[in-house]
Amino acid sequence: MRSLGEGSLILDLGCGTGIYTLALSLFTDGLVCGLDPALGMLKQALEKSKNVLWACSVAESMPIRSNVFHCIFASQVWHHI
């Protein structure tokens, strides 16, 4: 994470309530996006931070172009795939 430069774009895949997403936002002044299929989890995440882009979608059909993010973080998600 320390190698990410200014303006880096980070995606937290399966972000849940945004605990790790918010921590990731400390590593860049660029965009951090949290993606999760559970709207209830995202509503909790939104209450914690407005400076993160939150999106409700499954990873297989996420509404994001390829090759946009410099880093994709996926923790606590693999057992759901």
PDB file of N, CA and C in Angstrom:
ATOM      1  N   MET A   1       0.813  -1.193   0.000  1.00  0.00           N
ATOM      2  CA  MET A   1       0.000   0.000   0.000  1.00  0.00           C
ATOM      3  C   MET A   1       0.857   1.258   0.000  1.00  0.00           C
ATOM      4  N   ARG A   2       1.997   1.183   0.623  1.00  0.00           N
ATOM      5  CA  ARG A   2       2.838   2.383   0.689  1.00  0.00           C
ATOM      6  C   ARG A   2       3.342   2.809  -0.682  1.00  0.00           C
ATOM      7  N   SER A   3       3.352   1.887  -1.647  1.00  0.00           N
ATOM      8  CA  SER A   3       3.843   2.221  -2.972  1.00  0.00           C
ATOM      9  C   SER A   3       2.808   2.965  -3.809  1.00  0.00           C
ATOM     10  N   LEU A   4       1.582   3.050  -3.331  1.00  0.00           N
ATOM     11  CA  LEU A   4       0.571   3.799  -4.064  1.00  0.00           C
ATOM     12  C   LEU A   4       0.882   5.286  -3.980  1.00  0.00           C
ATOM     13  N   GLY A   5       0.830   5.932  -5.112  1.00  0.00           N
ATOM     14  CA  GLY A   5       1.143   7.352  -5.145  1.00  0.00           C
ATOM     15  C   GLY A   5      -0.082   8.225  -4.977  1.00  0.00           C
ATOM     16  N   GLU A   6       0.149   9.510  -5.095  1.00  0.00           N
ATOM     17  CA  GLU A   6      -0.951  10.462  -4.998  1.00  0.00           C
ATOM     18  C   GLU A   6      -1.940  10.205  -6.128  1.00  0.00           C
ATOM     19  N   GLY A   7      -3.196  10.354  -5.809  1.00  0.00           N
ATOM     20  CA  GLY A   7      -4.232  10.183  -6.818  1.00  0.00           C
ATOM     21  C   GLY A   7      -4.550   8.741  -7.153  1.00  0.00           C
ATOM     22  N   SER A   8      -4.025   7.801  -6.384  1.00  0.00           N
ATOM     23  CA  SER A   8      -4.289   6.387  -6.652  1.00  0.00           C
ATOM     24  C   SER A   8      -5.765   6.069  -6.448  1.00  0.00           C
ATOM     25  N   LEU A   9      -6.268   5.178  -7.267  1.00  0.00           N
ATOM     26  CA  LEU A   9      -7.657   4.746  -7.194  1.00  0.00           C
ATOM     27  C   LEU A   9      -7.701   3.349  -6.595  1.00  0.00           C
ATOM     28  N   ILE A  10      -8.471   3.182  -5.515  1.00  0.00           N
ATOM     29  CA  ILE A  10      -8.518   1.917  -4.780  1.00  0.00           C
ATOM     30  C   ILE A  10      -9.953   1.407  -4.743  1.00  0.00           C
ATOM     31  N   LEU A  11     -10.132   0.115  -5.023  1.00  0.00           N
ATOM     32  CA  LEU A  11     -11.435  -0.539  -4.932  1.00  0.00           C
ATOM     33  C   LEU A  11     -11.403  -1.549  -3.796  1.00  0.00           C
ATOM     34  N   ASP A  12     -12.379  -1.459  -2.905  1.00  0.00           N
ATOM     35  CA  ASP A  12     -12.558  -2.457  -1.852  1.00  0.00           C
ATOM     36  C   ASP A  12     -13.718  -3.344  -2.282  1.00  0.00           C
ATOM     37  N   LEU A  13     -13.387  -4.526  -2.758  1.00  0.00           N
ATOM     38  CA  LEU A  13     -14.363  -5.468  -3.292  1.00  0.00           C
ATOM     39  C   LEU A  13     -14.985  -6.259  -2.151  1.00  0.00           C
ATOM     40  N   GLY A  14     -16.295  -6.167  -1.996  1.00  0.00           N
ATOM     41  CA  GLY A  14     -16.960  -6.818  -0.869  1.00  0.00           C
ATOM     42  C   GLY A  14     -16.728  -6.040   0.408  1.00  0.00           C
ATOM     43  N   CYS A  15     -16.966  -4.749   0.353  1.00  0.00           N
ATOM     44  CA  CYS A  15     -16.586  -3.833   1.439  1.00  0.00           C
ATOM     45  C   CYS A  15     -17.424  -3.956   2.703  1.00  0.00           C
ATOM     46  N   GLY A  16     -18.600  -4.561   2.618  1.00  0.00           N
ATOM     47  CA  GLY A  16     -19.445  -4.671   3.809  1.00  0.00           C
ATOM     48  C   GLY A  16     -19.783  -3.308   4.381  1.00  0.00           C
ATOM     49  N   THR A  17     -19.561  -3.135   5.665  1.00  0.00           N
ATOM     50  CA  THR A  17     -19.884  -1.860   6.325  1.00  0.00           C
ATOM     51  C   THR A  17     -18.786  -0.811   6.180  1.00  0.00           C
ATOM     52  N   GLY A  18     -17.737  -1.125   5.441  1.00  0.00           N
ATOM     53  CA  GLY A  18     -16.721  -0.128   5.121  1.00  0.00           C
ATOM     54  C   GLY A  18     -15.566   0.015   6.087  1.00  0.00           C
ATOM     55  N   ILE A  19     -15.398  -0.921   6.995  1.00  0.00           N
ATOM     56  CA  ILE A  19     -14.314  -0.812   7.979  1.00  0.00           C
ATOM     57  C   ILE A  19     -12.955  -0.726   7.286  1.00  0.00           C
ATOM     58  N   TYR A  20     -12.675  -1.667   6.378  1.00  0.00           N
ATOM     59  CA  TYR A  20     -11.392  -1.650   5.674  1.00  0.00           C
ATOM     60  C   TYR A  20     -11.352  -0.533   4.635  1.00  0.00           C
ATOM     61  N   THR A  21     -12.483  -0.220   4.046  1.00  0.00           N
ATOM     62  CA  THR A  21     -12.537   0.837   3.032  1.00  0.00           C
ATOM     63  C   THR A  21     -12.068   2.166   3.611  1.00  0.00           C
ATOM     64  N   LEU A  22     -12.545   2.472   4.792  1.00  0.00           N
ATOM     65  CA  LEU A  22     -12.150   3.725   5.441  1.00  0.00           C
ATOM     66  C   LEU A  22     -10.665   3.730   5.769  1.00  0.00           C
ATOM     67  N   ALA A  23     -10.137   2.585   6.187  1.00  0.00           N
ATOM     68  CA  ALA A  23      -8.697   2.488   6.450  1.00  0.00           C
ATOM     69  C   ALA A  23      -7.911   2.679   5.155  1.00  0.00           C
ATOM     70  N   LEU A  24      -8.398   2.109   4.057  1.00  0.00           N
ATOM     71  CA  LEU A  24      -7.729   2.262   2.764  1.00  0.00           C
ATOM     72  C   LEU A  24      -7.711   3.719   2.313  1.00  0.00           C
ATOM     73  N   SER A  25      -8.730   4.472   2.678  1.00  0.00           N
ATOM     74  CA  SER A  25      -8.799   5.872   2.251  1.00  0.00           C
ATOM     75  C   SER A  25      -7.683   6.721   2.860  1.00  0.00           C
ATOM     76  N   LEU A  26      -7.030   6.212   3.881  1.00  0.00           N
ATOM     77  CA  LEU A  26      -5.909   6.932   4.493  1.00  0.00           C
ATOM     78  C   LEU A  26      -4.640   6.844   3.647  1.00  0.00           C
ATOM     79  N   PHE A  27      -4.618   5.926   2.670  1.00  0.00           N
ATOM     80  CA  PHE A  27      -3.423   5.704   1.868  1.00  0.00           C
ATOM     81  C   PHE A  27      -3.395   6.497   0.572  1.00  0.00           C
ATOM     82  N   THR A  28      -4.443   7.224   0.254  1.00  0.00           N
ATOM     83  CA  THR A  28      -4.466   7.963  -1.001  1.00  0.00           C
ATOM     84  C   THR A  28      -5.314   9.222  -0.874  1.00  0.00           C
ATOM     85  N   ASP A  29      -4.997  10.195  -1.692  1.00  0.00           N
ATOM     86  CA  ASP A  29      -5.873  11.356  -1.794  1.00  0.00           C
ATOM     87  C   ASP A  29      -6.770  11.202  -3.016  1.00  0.00           C
ATOM     88  N   GLY A  30      -6.620  10.049  -3.682  1.00  0.00           N
ATOM     89  CA  GLY A  30      -7.457   9.741  -4.840  1.00  0.00           C
ATOM     90  C   GLY A  30      -8.770   9.102  -4.412  1.00  0.00           C
ATOM     91  N   LEU A  31      -9.441   8.510  -5.356  1.00  0.00           N
ATOM     92  CA  LEU A  31     -10.752   7.918  -5.125  1.00  0.00           C
ATOM     93  C   LEU A  31     -10.645   6.541  -4.480  1.00  0.00           C
ATOM     94  N   VAL A  32     -11.473   6.311  -3.471  1.00  0.00           N
ATOM     95  CA  VAL A  32     -11.628   4.987  -2.875  1.00  0.00           C
ATOM     96  C   VAL A  32     -13.088   4.594  -3.076  1.00  0.00           C
ATOM     97  N   CYS A  33     -13.293   3.402  -3.606  1.00  0.00           N
ATOM     98  CA  CYS A  33     -14.637   2.917  -3.894  1.00  0.00           C
ATOM     99  C   CYS A  33     -14.882   1.628  -3.127  1.00  0.00           C
ATOM    100  N   GLY A  34     -16.011   1.555  -2.447  1.00  0.00           N
ATOM    101  CA  GLY A  34     -16.423   0.340  -1.761  1.00  0.00           C
ATOM    102  C   GLY A  34     -17.566  -0.298  -2.529  1.00  0.00           C
ATOM    103  N   LEU A  35     -17.429  -1.579  -2.862  1.00  0.00           N
ATOM    104  CA  LEU A  35     -18.433  -2.296  -3.641  1.00  0.00           C
ATOM    105  C   LEU A  35     -18.942  -3.483  -2.842  1.00  0.00           C
ATOM    106  N   ASP A  36     -20.259  -3.593  -2.713  1.00  0.00           N
ATOM    107  CA  ASP A  36     -20.844  -4.715  -1.979  1.00  0.00           C
ATOM    108  C   ASP A  36     -22.253  -4.963  -2.509  1.00  0.00           C
ATOM    109  N   PRO A  37     -22.690  -6.228  -2.564  1.00  0.00           N
ATOM    110  CA  PRO A  37     -24.040  -6.506  -3.056  1.00  0.00           C
ATOM    111  C   PRO A  37     -25.141  -6.275  -2.016  1.00  0.00           C
ATOM    112  N   ALA A  38     -24.778  -6.083  -0.766  1.00  0.00           N
ATOM    113  CA  ALA A  38     -25.766  -5.943   0.308  1.00  0.00           C
ATOM    114  C   ALA A  38     -26.048  -4.470   0.600  1.00  0.00           C
ATOM    115  N   LEU A  39     -27.217  -4.009   0.209  1.00  0.00           N
ATOM    116  CA  LEU A  39     -27.576  -2.605   0.387  1.00  0.00           C
ATOM    117  C   LEU A  39     -27.574  -2.190   1.858  1.00  0.00           C
ATOM    118  N   GLY A  40     -28.001  -3.075   2.740  1.00  0.00           N
ATOM    119  CA  GLY A  40     -28.009  -2.761   4.169  1.00  0.00           C
ATOM    120  C   GLY A  40     -26.617  -2.489   4.709  1.00  0.00           C
ATOM    121  N   MET A  41     -25.644  -3.258   4.244  1.00  0.00           N
ATOM    122  CA  MET A  41     -24.254  -3.043   4.663  1.00  0.00           C
ATOM    123  C   MET A  41     -23.759  -1.694   4.147  1.00  0.00           C
ATOM    124  N   LEU A  42     -24.085  -1.381   2.899  1.00  0.00           N
ATOM    125  CA  LEU A  42     -23.642  -0.113   2.319  1.00  0.00           C
ATOM    126  C   LEU A  42     -24.281   1.088   3.011  1.00  0.00           C
ATOM    127  N   LYS A  43     -25.511   0.943   3.453  1.00  0.00           N
ATOM    128  CA  LYS A  43     -26.149   2.040   4.191  1.00  0.00           C
ATOM    129  C   LYS A  43     -25.386   2.332   5.479  1.00  0.00           C
ATOM    130  N   GLN A  44     -24.909   1.286   6.144  1.00  0.00           N
ATOM    131  CA  GLN A  44     -24.096   1.481   7.348  1.00  0.00           C
ATOM    132  C   GLN A  44     -22.771   2.146   6.996  1.00  0.00           C
ATOM    133  N   ALA A  45     -22.180   1.727   5.876  1.00  0.00           N
ATOM    134  CA  ALA A  45     -20.907   2.308   5.436  1.00  0.00           C
ATOM    135  C   ALA A  45     -21.070   3.793   5.126  1.00  0.00           C
ATOM    136  N   LEU A  46     -22.152   4.139   4.461  1.00  0.00           N
ATOM    137  CA  LEU A  46     -22.398   5.528   4.079  1.00  0.00           C
ATOM    138  C   LEU A  46     -22.505   6.442   5.293  1.00  0.00           C
ATOM    139  N   GLU A  47     -23.011   5.920   6.385  1.00  0.00           N
ATOM    140  CA  GLU A  47     -23.111   6.715   7.610  1.00  0.00           C
ATOM    141  C   GLU A  47     -21.738   7.062   8.176  1.00  0.00           C
ATOM    142  N   LYS A  48     -20.733   6.257   7.846  1.00  0.00           N
ATOM    143  CA  LYS A  48     -19.385   6.465   8.384  1.00  0.00           C
ATOM    144  C   LYS A  48     -18.569   7.447   7.566  1.00  0.00           C
ATOM    145  N   SER A  49     -18.838   7.527   6.265  1.00  0.00           N
ATOM    146  CA  SER A  49     -17.984   8.358   5.422  1.00  0.00           C
ATOM    147  C   SER A  49     -18.708   8.788   4.160  1.00  0.00           C
ATOM    148  N   LYS A  50     -18.554  10.046   3.844  1.00  0.00           N
ATOM    149  CA  LYS A  50     -19.129  10.575   2.610  1.00  0.00           C
ATOM    150  C   LYS A  50     -18.045  10.777   1.544  1.00  0.00           C
ATOM    151  N   ASN A  51     -16.778  10.617   1.911  1.00  0.00           N
ATOM    152  CA  ASN A  51     -15.703  10.858   0.942  1.00  0.00           C
ATOM    153  C   ASN A  51     -15.269   9.588   0.219  1.00  0.00           C
ATOM    154  N   VAL A  52     -16.070   8.525   0.323  1.00  0.00           N
ATOM    155  CA  VAL A  52     -15.830   7.272  -0.384  1.00  0.00           C
ATOM    156  C   VAL A  52     -16.998   7.067  -1.334  1.00  0.00           C
ATOM    157  N   LEU A  53     -16.723   6.557  -2.523  1.00  0.00           N
ATOM    158  CA  LEU A  53     -17.783   6.225  -3.464  1.00  0.00           C
ATOM    159  C   LEU A  53     -18.277   4.823  -3.137  1.00  0.00           C
ATOM    160  N   TRP A  54     -19.545   4.684  -2.813  1.00  0.00           N
ATOM    161  CA  TRP A  54     -20.128   3.391  -2.456  1.00  0.00           C
ATOM    162  C   TRP A  54     -21.000   2.915  -3.605  1.00  0.00           C
ATOM    163  N   ALA A  55     -20.878   1.629  -3.968  1.00  0.00           N
ATOM    164  CA  ALA A  55     -21.665   1.066  -5.062  1.00  0.00           C
ATOM    165  C   ALA A  55     -22.232  -0.284  -4.654  1.00  0.00           C
ATOM    166  N   CYS A  56     -23.496  -0.506  -5.008  1.00  0.00           N
ATOM    167  CA  CYS A  56     -24.168  -1.766  -4.686  1.00  0.00           C
ATOM    168  C   CYS A  56     -24.195  -2.641  -5.938  1.00  0.00           C
ATOM    169  N   SER A  57     -23.430  -3.720  -5.910  1.00  0.00           N
ATOM    170  CA  SER A  57     -23.345  -4.620  -7.057  1.00  0.00           C
ATOM    171  C   SER A  57     -22.596  -5.877  -6.651  1.00  0.00           C
ATOM    172  N   VAL A  58     -22.831  -6.954  -7.398  1.00  0.00           N
ATOM    173  CA  VAL A  58     -22.001  -8.141  -7.232  1.00  0.00           C
ATOM    174  C   VAL A  58     -20.740  -7.937  -8.061  1.00  0.00           C
ATOM    175  N   ALA A  59     -19.665  -8.553  -7.662  1.00  0.00           N
ATOM    176  CA  ALA A  59     -18.376  -8.359  -8.331  1.00  0.00           C
ATOM    177  C   ALA A  59     -18.414  -8.788  -9.794  1.00  0.00           C
ATOM    178  N   GLU A  60     -19.182  -9.827 -10.086  1.00  0.00           N
ATOM    179  CA  GLU A  60     -19.221 -10.359 -11.450  1.00  0.00           C
ATOM    180  C   GLU A  60     -19.809  -9.380 -12.460  1.00  0.00           C
ATOM    181  N   SER A  61     -20.605  -8.444 -12.006  1.00  0.00           N
ATOM    182  CA  SER A  61     -21.201  -7.478 -12.940  1.00  0.00           C
ATOM    183  C   SER A  61     -21.074  -6.048 -12.417  1.00  0.00           C
ATOM    184  N   MET A  62     -19.931  -5.758 -11.792  1.00  0.00           N
ATOM    185  CA  MET A  62     -19.760  -4.427 -11.209  1.00  0.00           C
ATOM    186  C   MET A  62     -19.780  -3.355 -12.296  1.00  0.00           C
ATOM    187  N   PRO A  63     -20.405  -2.227 -11.998  1.00  0.00           N
ATOM    188  CA  PRO A  63     -20.583  -1.157 -12.985  1.00  0.00           C
ATOM    189  C   PRO A  63     -19.350  -0.270 -13.122  1.00  0.00           C
ATOM    190  N   ILE A  64     -18.198  -0.897 -13.277  1.00  0.00           N
ATOM    191  CA  ILE A  64     -16.932  -0.166 -13.317  1.00  0.00           C
ATOM    192  C   ILE A  64     -16.116  -0.683 -14.496  1.00  0.00           C
ATOM    193  N   ARG A  65     -15.543   0.224 -15.263  1.00  0.00           N
ATOM    194  CA  ARG A  65     -14.712  -0.174 -16.408  1.00  0.00           C
ATOM    195  C   ARG A  65     -13.478  -0.937 -15.948  1.00  0.00           C
ATOM    196  N   SER A  66     -12.943  -1.733 -16.841  1.00  0.00           N
ATOM    197  CA  SER A  66     -11.701  -2.462 -16.565  1.00  0.00           C
ATOM    198  C   SER A  66     -10.520  -1.500 -16.519  1.00  0.00           C
ATOM    199  N   ASN A  67      -9.499  -1.884 -15.806  1.00  0.00           N
ATOM    200  CA  ASN A  67      -8.229  -1.152 -15.746  1.00  0.00           C
ATOM    201  C   ASN A  67      -8.356   0.276 -15.218  1.00  0.00           C
ATOM    202  N   VAL A  68      -9.267   0.496 -14.289  1.00  0.00           N
ATOM    203  CA  VAL A  68      -9.454   1.824 -13.708  1.00  0.00           C
ATOM    204  C   VAL A  68      -8.671   1.970 -12.410  1.00  0.00           C
ATOM    205  N   PHE A  69      -8.672   0.931 -11.584  1.00  0.00           N
ATOM    206  CA  PHE A  69      -8.102   1.015 -10.248  1.00  0.00           C
ATOM    207  C   PHE A  69      -6.631   0.609 -10.213  1.00  0.00           C
ATOM    208  N   HIS A  70      -5.875   1.281  -9.370  1.00  0.00           N
ATOM    209  CA  HIS A  70      -4.470   0.946  -9.158  1.00  0.00           C
ATOM    210  C   HIS A  70      -4.324  -0.208  -8.178  1.00  0.00           C
ATOM    211  N   CYS A  71      -5.323  -0.390  -7.317  1.00  0.00           N
ATOM    212  CA  CYS A  71      -5.283  -1.434  -6.292  1.00  0.00           C
ATOM    213  C   CYS A  71      -6.701  -1.939  -6.048  1.00  0.00           C
ATOM    214  N   ILE A  72      -6.859  -3.262  -5.998  1.00  0.00           N
ATOM    215  CA  ILE A  72      -8.137  -3.864  -5.623  1.00  0.00           C
ATOM    216  C   ILE A  72      -7.903  -4.676  -4.362  1.00  0.00           C
ATOM    217  N   PHE A  73      -8.658  -4.338  -3.328  1.00  0.00           N
ATOM    218  CA  PHE A  73      -8.548  -4.983  -2.025  1.00  0.00           C
ATOM    219  C   PHE A  73      -9.771  -5.876  -1.854  1.00  0.00           C
ATOM    220  N   ALA A  74      -9.553  -7.139  -1.492  1.00  0.00           N
ATOM    221  CA  ALA A  74     -10.673  -8.073  -1.294  1.00  0.00           C
ATOM    222  C   ALA A  74     -10.387  -8.914  -0.060  1.00  0.00           C
ATOM    223  N   SER A  75     -10.918  -8.491   1.058  1.00  0.00           N
ATOM    224  CA  SER A  75     -10.736  -9.220   2.306  1.00  0.00           C
ATOM    225  C   SER A  75     -12.109  -9.611   2.827  1.00  0.00           C
ATOM    226  N   GLN A  76     -12.205 -10.746   3.442  1.00  0.00           N
ATOM    227  CA  GLN A  76     -13.478 -11.216   3.986  1.00  0.00           C
ATOM    228  C   GLN A  76     -14.519 -11.440   2.892  1.00  0.00           C
ATOM    229  N   VAL A  77     -14.058 -11.701   1.660  1.00  0.00           N
ATOM    230  CA  VAL A  77     -15.009 -11.858   0.563  1.00  0.00           C
ATOM    231  C   VAL A  77     -14.898 -13.215  -0.127  1.00  0.00           C
ATOM    232  N   TRP A  78     -13.732 -13.812  -0.094  1.00  0.00           N
ATOM    233  CA  TRP A  78     -13.505 -15.030  -0.889  1.00  0.00           C
ATOM    234  C   TRP A  78     -14.426 -16.174  -0.506  1.00  0.00           C
ATOM    235  N   HIS A  79     -14.802 -16.297   0.730  1.00  0.00           N
ATOM    236  CA  HIS A  79     -15.690 -17.389   1.125  1.00  0.00           C
ATOM    237  C   HIS A  79     -17.124 -17.183   0.628  1.00  0.00           C
ATOM    238  N   HIS A  80     -17.434 -16.017   0.072  1.00  0.00           N
ATOM    239  CA  HIS A  80     -18.754 -15.755  -0.504  1.00  0.00           C
ATOM    240  C   HIS A  80     -18.790 -16.043  -2.003  1.00  0.00           C
ATOM    241  N   ILE A  81     -17.625 -16.269  -2.590  1.00  0.00           N
ATOM    242  CA  ILE A  81     -17.552 -16.477  -4.045  1.00  0.00           C
ATOM    243  C   ILE A  81     -17.647 -17.957  -4.361  1.00  0.00           C
TER     244      ILE A  81
END
